[in-house]
């Protein structure tokens, strides 16, 4: 995980989401340094890599259409 967050999500949002989901996908390990935590994927999280990669590929393939649909929705057209 990056220091400043990822893909438009604030660090606080990512930390809060990870804390509430820590028994599901990420594993959270507090480190000895105060206010520092390390995250790793659990086995179920690693199993999601192929699915998430496919979703990213799909998004890249259809990004122009997604953005056009958002624009039509936002402008009421």
PDB file of N, CA and C in Angstrom:
ATOM      1  N   UNK A   1       0.861  -1.172   0.000  1.00  0.00           N
ATOM      2  CA  UNK A   1       0.000   0.000   0.000  1.00  0.00           C
ATOM      3  C   UNK A   1       0.901   1.227   0.000  1.00  0.00           C
ATOM      4  N   UNK A   2       0.499   2.233  -0.690  1.00  0.00           N
ATOM      5  CA  UNK A   2       1.317   3.426  -0.778  1.00  0.00           C
ATOM      6  C   UNK A   2       1.073   4.308   0.436  1.00  0.00           C
ATOM      7  N   UNK A   3       2.012   5.210   0.682  1.00  0.00           N
ATOM      8  CA  UNK A   3       1.888   6.093   1.836  1.00  0.00           C
ATOM      9  C   UNK A   3       0.718   7.059   1.699  1.00  0.00           C
ATOM     10  N   UNK A   4       0.476   7.573   0.502  1.00  0.00           N
ATOM     11  CA  UNK A   4      -0.535   8.597   0.327  1.00  0.00           C
ATOM     12  C   UNK A   4      -1.913   8.073  -0.039  1.00  0.00           C
ATOM     13  N   UNK A   5      -2.097   6.794  -0.075  1.00  0.00           N
ATOM     14  CA  UNK A   5      -3.384   6.247  -0.484  1.00  0.00           C
ATOM     15  C   UNK A   5      -3.252   5.617  -1.861  1.00  0.00           C
ATOM     16  N   UNK A   6      -4.378   5.242  -2.419  1.00  0.00           N
ATOM     17  CA  UNK A   6      -4.342   4.581  -3.720  1.00  0.00           C
ATOM     18  C   UNK A   6      -5.553   4.957  -4.533  1.00  0.00           C
ATOM     19  N   UNK A   7      -5.342   5.235  -5.783  1.00  0.00           N
ATOM     20  CA  UNK A   7      -6.415   5.434  -6.770  1.00  0.00           C
ATOM     21  C   UNK A   7      -7.531   6.344  -6.286  1.00  0.00           C
ATOM     22  N   UNK A   8      -7.187   7.494  -5.736  1.00  0.00           N
ATOM     23  CA  UNK A   8      -8.209   8.460  -5.346  1.00  0.00           C
ATOM     24  C   UNK A   8      -8.810   8.237  -3.971  1.00  0.00           C
ATOM     25  N   UNK A   9      -8.326   7.253  -3.231  1.00  0.00           N
ATOM     26  CA  UNK A   9      -8.824   7.017  -1.884  1.00  0.00           C
ATOM     27  C   UNK A   9      -7.827   7.592  -0.892  1.00  0.00           C
ATOM     28  N   UNK A  10      -8.326   8.248   0.137  1.00  0.00           N
ATOM     29  CA  UNK A  10      -7.425   8.800   1.133  1.00  0.00           C
ATOM     30  C   UNK A  10      -6.821   7.681   1.970  1.00  0.00           C
ATOM     31  N   UNK A  11      -5.711   7.967   2.583  1.00  0.00           N
ATOM     32  CA  UNK A  11      -5.055   6.993   3.454  1.00  0.00           C
ATOM     33  C   UNK A  11      -5.994   6.582   4.586  1.00  0.00           C
ATOM     34  N   UNK A  12      -6.724   7.542   5.147  1.00  0.00           N
ATOM     35  CA  UNK A  12      -7.673   7.261   6.232  1.00  0.00           C
ATOM     36  C   UNK A  12      -8.752   6.287   5.762  1.00  0.00           C
ATOM     37  N   UNK A  13      -9.306   6.511   4.569  1.00  0.00           N
ATOM     38  CA  UNK A  13     -10.350   5.631   4.036  1.00  0.00           C
ATOM     39  C   UNK A  13      -9.828   4.215   3.870  1.00  0.00           C
ATOM     40  N   UNK A  14      -8.632   4.080   3.299  1.00  0.00           N
ATOM     41  CA  UNK A  14      -8.054   2.757   3.095  1.00  0.00           C
ATOM     42  C   UNK A  14      -7.761   2.068   4.423  1.00  0.00           C
ATOM     43  N   UNK A  15      -7.242   2.820   5.399  1.00  0.00           N
ATOM     44  CA  UNK A  15      -6.935   2.243   6.707  1.00  0.00           C
ATOM     45  C   UNK A  15      -8.196   1.785   7.405  1.00  0.00           C
ATOM     46  N   UNK A  16      -9.239   2.620   7.375  1.00  0.00           N
ATOM     47  CA  UNK A  16     -10.504   2.267   8.015  1.00  0.00           C
ATOM     48  C   UNK A  16     -11.112   1.028   7.370  1.00  0.00           C
ATOM     49  N   UNK A  17     -11.098   0.981   6.048  1.00  0.00           N
ATOM     50  CA  UNK A  17     -11.650  -0.178   5.343  1.00  0.00           C
ATOM     51  C   UNK A  17     -10.858  -1.435   5.665  1.00  0.00           C
ATOM     52  N   UNK A  18      -9.549  -1.319   5.719  1.00  0.00           N
ATOM     53  CA  UNK A  18      -8.722  -2.490   6.013  1.00  0.00           C
ATOM     54  C   UNK A  18      -8.940  -2.987   7.438  1.00  0.00           C
ATOM     55  N   UNK A  19      -9.110  -2.066   8.388  1.00  0.00           N
ATOM     56  CA  UNK A  19      -9.335  -2.472   9.776  1.00  0.00           C
ATOM     57  C   UNK A  19     -10.655  -3.218   9.923  1.00  0.00           C
ATOM     58  N   UNK A  20     -11.679  -2.773   9.231  1.00  0.00           N
ATOM     59  CA  UNK A  20     -12.987  -3.421   9.362  1.00  0.00           C
ATOM     60  C   UNK A  20     -13.055  -4.730   8.594  1.00  0.00           C
ATOM     61  N   UNK A  21     -12.161  -4.921   7.633  1.00  0.00           N
ATOM     62  CA  UNK A  21     -12.189  -6.133   6.815  1.00  0.00           C
ATOM     63  C   UNK A  21     -11.034  -7.070   7.140  1.00  0.00           C
ATOM     64  N   UNK A  22     -10.313  -6.801   8.238  1.00  0.00           N
ATOM     65  CA  UNK A  22      -9.084  -7.539   8.466  1.00  0.00           C
ATOM     66  C   UNK A  22      -9.281  -9.032   8.676  1.00  0.00           C
ATOM     67  N   UNK A  23     -10.482  -9.471   9.018  1.00  0.00           N
ATOM     68  CA  UNK A  23     -10.698 -10.906   9.156  1.00  0.00           C
ATOM     69  C   UNK A  23     -11.100 -11.540   7.831  1.00  0.00           C
ATOM     70  N   UNK A  24     -11.142 -10.763   6.755  1.00  0.00           N
ATOM     71  CA  UNK A  24     -11.588 -11.278   5.468  1.00  0.00           C
ATOM     72  C   UNK A  24     -10.452 -11.406   4.463  1.00  0.00           C
ATOM     73  N   UNK A  25      -9.864 -10.285   4.051  1.00  0.00           N
ATOM     74  CA  UNK A  25      -8.895 -10.328   2.961  1.00  0.00           C
ATOM     75  C   UNK A  25      -7.507  -9.863   3.387  1.00  0.00           C
ATOM     76  N   UNK A  26      -7.336  -8.630   3.870  1.00  0.00           N
ATOM     77  CA  UNK A  26      -5.974  -8.245   4.256  1.00  0.00           C
ATOM     78  C   UNK A  26      -5.662  -8.718   5.668  1.00  0.00           C
ATOM     79  N   UNK A  27      -4.406  -8.938   5.929  1.00  0.00           N
ATOM     80  CA  UNK A  27      -3.959  -9.240   7.275  1.00  0.00           C
ATOM     81  C   UNK A  27      -3.232  -8.016   7.786  1.00  0.00           C
ATOM     82  N   UNK A  28      -3.584  -7.525   8.963  1.00  0.00           N
ATOM     83  CA  UNK A  28      -3.023  -6.301   9.514  1.00  0.00           C
ATOM     84  C   UNK A  28      -2.091  -6.659  10.657  1.00  0.00           C
ATOM     85  N   UNK A  29      -0.840  -6.190  10.561  1.00  0.00           N
ATOM     86  CA  UNK A  29       0.136  -6.464  11.609  1.00  0.00           C
ATOM     87  C   UNK A  29       0.734  -5.151  12.092  1.00  0.00           C
ATOM     88  N   UNK A  30       0.400  -4.730  13.312  1.00  0.00           N
ATOM     89  CA  UNK A  30       1.063  -3.540  13.851  1.00  0.00           C
ATOM     90  C   UNK A  30       2.559  -3.812  14.021  1.00  0.00           C
ATOM     91  N   UNK A  31       3.370  -2.838  13.679  1.00  0.00           N
ATOM     92  CA  UNK A  31       4.819  -2.971  13.807  1.00  0.00           C
ATOM     93  C   UNK A  31       5.281  -2.315  15.097  1.00  0.00           C
ATOM     94  N   UNK A  32       6.544  -2.500  15.418  1.00  0.00           N
ATOM     95  CA  UNK A  32       7.060  -1.972  16.671  1.00  0.00           C
ATOM     96  C   UNK A  32       7.157  -0.453  16.677  1.00  0.00           C
ATOM     97  N   UNK A  33       7.279   0.145  15.516  1.00  0.00           N
ATOM     98  CA  UNK A  33       7.348   1.599  15.427  1.00  0.00           C
ATOM     99  C   UNK A  33       5.941   2.143  15.659  1.00  0.00           C
ATOM    100  N   UNK A  34       5.758   3.094  16.565  1.00  0.00           N
ATOM    101  CA  UNK A  34       4.408   3.643  16.798  1.00  0.00           C
ATOM    102  C   UNK A  34       3.788   4.193  15.520  1.00  0.00           C
ATOM    103  N   UNK A  35       2.506   4.001  15.385  1.00  0.00           N
ATOM    104  CA  UNK A  35       1.718   4.511  14.259  1.00  0.00           C
ATOM    105  C   UNK A  35       2.140   3.922  12.919  1.00  0.00           C
ATOM    106  N   UNK A  36       2.688   2.729  12.927  1.00  0.00           N
ATOM    107  CA  UNK A  36       3.065   2.098  11.671  1.00  0.00           C
ATOM    108  C   UNK A  36       2.491   0.683  11.654  1.00  0.00           C
ATOM    109  N   UNK A  37       1.886   0.341  10.532  1.00  0.00           N
ATOM    110  CA  UNK A  37       1.251  -0.964  10.377  1.00  0.00           C
ATOM    111  C   UNK A  37       1.622  -1.506   9.010  1.00  0.00           C
ATOM    112  N   UNK A  38       1.766  -2.807   8.912  1.00  0.00           N
ATOM    113  CA  UNK A  38       2.055  -3.445   7.634  1.00  0.00           C
ATOM    114  C   UNK A  38       0.878  -4.337   7.259  1.00  0.00           C
ATOM    115  N   UNK A  39       0.484  -4.292   5.982  1.00  0.00           N
ATOM    116  CA  UNK A  39      -0.613  -5.119   5.498  1.00  0.00           C
ATOM    117  C   UNK A  39      -0.092  -6.127   4.483  1.00  0.00           C
ATOM    118  N   UNK A  40      -0.587  -7.338   4.548  1.00  0.00           N
ATOM    119  CA  UNK A  40      -0.305  -8.361   3.548  1.00  0.00           C
ATOM    120  C   UNK A  40      -1.627  -9.031   3.210  1.00  0.00           C
ATOM    121  N   UNK A  41      -1.669  -9.649   2.052  1.00  0.00           N
ATOM    122  CA  UNK A  41      -2.892 -10.353   1.656  1.00  0.00           C
ATOM    123  C   UNK A  41      -2.948 -11.734   2.286  1.00  0.00           C
ATOM    124  N   UNK A  42      -4.134 -12.114   2.703  1.00  0.00           N
ATOM    125  CA  UNK A  42      -4.370 -13.464   3.177  1.00  0.00           C
ATOM    126  C   UNK A  42      -4.549 -14.368   1.957  1.00  0.00           C
ATOM    127  N   UNK A  43      -4.694 -15.655   2.169  1.00  0.00           N
ATOM    128  CA  UNK A  43      -4.910 -16.591   1.058  1.00  0.00           C
ATOM    129  C   UNK A  43      -6.142 -16.197   0.236  1.00  0.00           C
ATOM    130  N   UNK A  44      -7.301 -15.870   0.871  1.00  0.00           N
ATOM    131  CA  UNK A  44      -8.443 -15.429   0.055  1.00  0.00           C
ATOM    132  C   UNK A  44      -8.134 -14.154  -0.735  1.00  0.00           C
ATOM    133  N   UNK A  45      -7.358 -13.263  -0.162  1.00  0.00           N
ATOM    134  CA  UNK A  45      -6.983 -12.044  -0.875  1.00  0.00           C
ATOM    135  C   UNK A  45      -6.110 -12.339  -2.077  1.00  0.00           C
ATOM    136  N   UNK A  46      -5.148 -13.253  -1.919  1.00  0.00           N
ATOM    137  CA  UNK A  46      -4.294 -13.629  -3.053  1.00  0.00           C
ATOM    138  C   UNK A  46      -5.109 -14.303  -4.144  1.00  0.00           C
ATOM    139  N   UNK A  47      -6.138 -15.041  -3.762  1.00  0.00           N
ATOM    140  CA  UNK A  47      -6.987 -15.708  -4.755  1.00  0.00           C
ATOM    141  C   UNK A  47      -7.763 -14.698  -5.602  1.00  0.00           C
ATOM    142  N   UNK A  48      -7.965 -13.498  -5.084  1.00  0.00           N
ATOM    143  CA  UNK A  48      -8.694 -12.461  -5.828  1.00  0.00           C
ATOM    144  C   UNK A  48      -7.858 -11.779  -6.896  1.00  0.00           C
ATOM    145  N   UNK A  49      -6.560 -11.981  -6.900  1.00  0.00           N
ATOM    146  CA  UNK A  49      -5.686 -11.277  -7.850  1.00  0.00           C
ATOM    147  C   UNK A  49      -6.124 -11.447  -9.296  1.00  0.00           C
ATOM    148  N   UNK A  50      -6.438 -12.661  -9.719  1.00  0.00           N
ATOM    149  CA  UNK A  50      -6.834 -12.905 -11.115  1.00  0.00           C
ATOM    150  C   UNK A  50      -8.135 -12.170 -11.425  1.00  0.00           C
ATOM    151  N   UNK A  51      -9.084 -12.223 -10.503  1.00  0.00           N
ATOM    152  CA  UNK A  51     -10.372 -11.547 -10.703  1.00  0.00           C
ATOM    153  C   UNK A  51     -10.182 -10.040 -10.790  1.00  0.00           C
ATOM    154  N   UNK A  52      -9.411  -9.481  -9.878  1.00  0.00           N
ATOM    155  CA  UNK A  52      -9.192  -8.035  -9.864  1.00  0.00           C
ATOM    156  C   UNK A  52      -8.418  -7.603 -11.107  1.00  0.00           C
ATOM    157  N   UNK A  53      -7.454  -8.401 -11.515  1.00  0.00           N
ATOM    158  CA  UNK A  53      -6.703  -8.088 -12.730  1.00  0.00           C
ATOM    159  C   UNK A  53      -7.638  -8.057 -13.940  1.00  0.00           C
ATOM    160  N   UNK A  54      -8.564  -9.018 -14.012  1.00  0.00           N
ATOM    161  CA  UNK A  54      -9.544  -9.038 -15.105  1.00  0.00           C
ATOM    162  C   UNK A  54     -10.441  -7.812 -15.080  1.00  0.00           C
ATOM    163  N   UNK A  55     -10.841  -7.397 -13.879  1.00  0.00           N
ATOM    164  CA  UNK A  55     -11.681  -6.202 -13.744  1.00  0.00           C
ATOM    165  C   UNK A  55     -10.914  -4.955 -14.199  1.00  0.00           C
ATOM    166  N   UNK A  56      -9.637  -4.895 -13.866  1.00  0.00           N
ATOM    167  CA  UNK A  56      -8.809  -3.759 -14.313  1.00  0.00           C
ATOM    168  C   UNK A  56      -8.682  -3.746 -15.836  1.00  0.00           C
ATOM    169  N   UNK A  57      -8.465  -4.920 -16.421  1.00  0.00           N
ATOM    170  CA  UNK A  57      -8.382  -5.006 -17.885  1.00  0.00           C
ATOM    171  C   UNK A  57      -9.682  -4.564 -18.529  1.00  0.00           C
ATOM    172  N   UNK A  58     -10.814  -5.002 -17.982  1.00  0.00           N
ATOM    173  CA  UNK A  58     -12.138  -4.623 -18.499  1.00  0.00           C
ATOM    174  C   UNK A  58     -12.318  -3.108 -18.418  1.00  0.00           C
ATOM    175  N   UNK A  59     -11.912  -2.527 -17.288  1.00  0.00           N
ATOM    176  CA  UNK A  59     -12.047  -1.084 -17.101  1.00  0.00           C
ATOM    177  C   UNK A  59     -11.231  -0.328 -18.139  1.00  0.00           C
ATOM    178  N   UNK A  60     -10.003  -0.756 -18.371  1.00  0.00           N
ATOM    179  CA  UNK A  60      -9.166  -0.098 -19.369  1.00  0.00           C
ATOM    180  C   UNK A  60      -9.774  -0.223 -20.766  1.00  0.00           C
ATOM    181  N   UNK A  61     -10.321  -1.378 -21.069  1.00  0.00           N
ATOM    182  CA  UNK A  61     -10.920  -1.604 -22.389  1.00  0.00           C
ATOM    183  C   UNK A  61     -12.119  -0.694 -22.623  1.00  0.00           C
ATOM    184  N   UNK A  62     -12.930  -0.466 -21.602  1.00  0.00           N
ATOM    185  CA  UNK A  62     -14.168   0.287 -21.765  1.00  0.00           C
ATOM    186  C   UNK A  62     -14.146   1.659 -21.096  1.00  0.00           C
ATOM    187  N   UNK A  63     -12.965   2.154 -20.750  1.00  0.00           N
ATOM    188  CA  UNK A  63     -12.863   3.416 -20.028  1.00  0.00           C
ATOM    189  C   UNK A  63     -13.518   4.573 -20.780  1.00  0.00           C
ATOM    190  N   UNK A  64     -13.346   4.648 -22.076  1.00  0.00           N
ATOM    191  CA  UNK A  64     -13.966   5.727 -22.854  1.00  0.00           C
ATOM    192  C   UNK A  64     -15.483   5.702 -22.737  1.00  0.00           C
ATOM    193  N   UNK A  65     -16.074   4.526 -22.822  1.00  0.00           N
ATOM    194  CA  UNK A  65     -17.532   4.401 -22.700  1.00  0.00           C
ATOM    195  C   UNK A  65     -18.000   4.712 -21.280  1.00  0.00           C
ATOM    196  N   UNK A  66     -17.224   4.290 -20.296  1.00  0.00           N
ATOM    197  CA  UNK A  66     -17.572   4.567 -18.892  1.00  0.00           C
ATOM    198  C   UNK A  66     -17.575   6.072 -18.650  1.00  0.00           C
ATOM    199  N   UNK A  67     -16.529   6.745 -19.114  1.00  0.00           N
ATOM    200  CA  UNK A  67     -16.442   8.196 -18.919  1.00  0.00           C
ATOM    201  C   UNK A  67     -17.549   8.926 -19.670  1.00  0.00           C
ATOM    202  N   UNK A  68     -17.881   8.480 -20.880  1.00  0.00           N
ATOM    203  CA  UNK A  68     -18.965   9.108 -21.642  1.00  0.00           C
ATOM    204  C   UNK A  68     -20.295   8.929 -20.914  1.00  0.00           C
ATOM    205  N   UNK A  69     -20.532   7.758 -20.351  1.00  0.00           N
ATOM    206  CA  UNK A  69     -21.776   7.515 -19.601  1.00  0.00           C
ATOM    207  C   UNK A  69     -21.849   8.390 -18.353  1.00  0.00           C
ATOM    208  N   UNK A  70     -20.724   8.533 -17.662  1.00  0.00           N
ATOM    209  CA  UNK A  70     -20.688   9.414 -16.480  1.00  0.00           C
ATOM    210  C   UNK A  70     -21.008  10.848 -16.871  1.00  0.00           C
ATOM    211  N   UNK A  71     -20.425  11.299 -17.982  1.00  0.00           N
ATOM    212  CA  UNK A  71     -20.652  12.667 -18.437  1.00  0.00           C
ATOM    213  C   UNK A  71     -22.132  12.865 -18.791  1.00  0.00           C
ATOM    214  N   UNK A  72     -22.722  11.910 -19.503  1.00  0.00           N
ATOM    215  CA  UNK A  72     -24.155  12.034 -19.842  1.00  0.00           C
ATOM    216  C   UNK A  72     -25.012  12.075 -18.591  1.00  0.00           C
ATOM    217  N   UNK A  73     -24.682  11.250 -17.612  1.00  0.00           N
ATOM    218  CA  UNK A  73     -25.439  11.238 -16.357  1.00  0.00           C
ATOM    219  C   UNK A  73     -25.278  12.557 -15.618  1.00  0.00           C
ATOM    220  N   UNK A  74     -24.027  13.030 -15.485  1.00  0.00           N
ATOM    221  CA  UNK A  74     -23.752  14.270 -14.754  1.00  0.00           C
ATOM    222  C   UNK A  74     -24.383  15.495 -15.386  1.00  0.00           C
ATOM    223  N   UNK A  75     -24.502  15.497 -16.703  1.00  0.00           N
ATOM    224  CA  UNK A  75     -25.063  16.668 -17.388  1.00  0.00           C
ATOM    225  C   UNK A  75     -26.549  16.497 -17.666  1.00  0.00           C
ATOM    226  N   UNK A  76     -27.106  15.351 -17.320  1.00  0.00           N
ATOM    227  CA  UNK A  76     -28.532  15.124 -17.527  1.00  0.00           C
ATOM    228  C   UNK A  76     -28.911  14.839 -18.961  1.00  0.00           C
ATOM    229  N   UNK A  77     -27.959  14.405 -19.773  1.00  0.00           N
ATOM    230  CA  UNK A  77     -28.229  14.118 -21.188  1.00  0.00           C
ATOM    231  C   UNK A  77     -28.280  12.646 -21.434  1.00  0.00           C
TER     232      UNK A  77
END
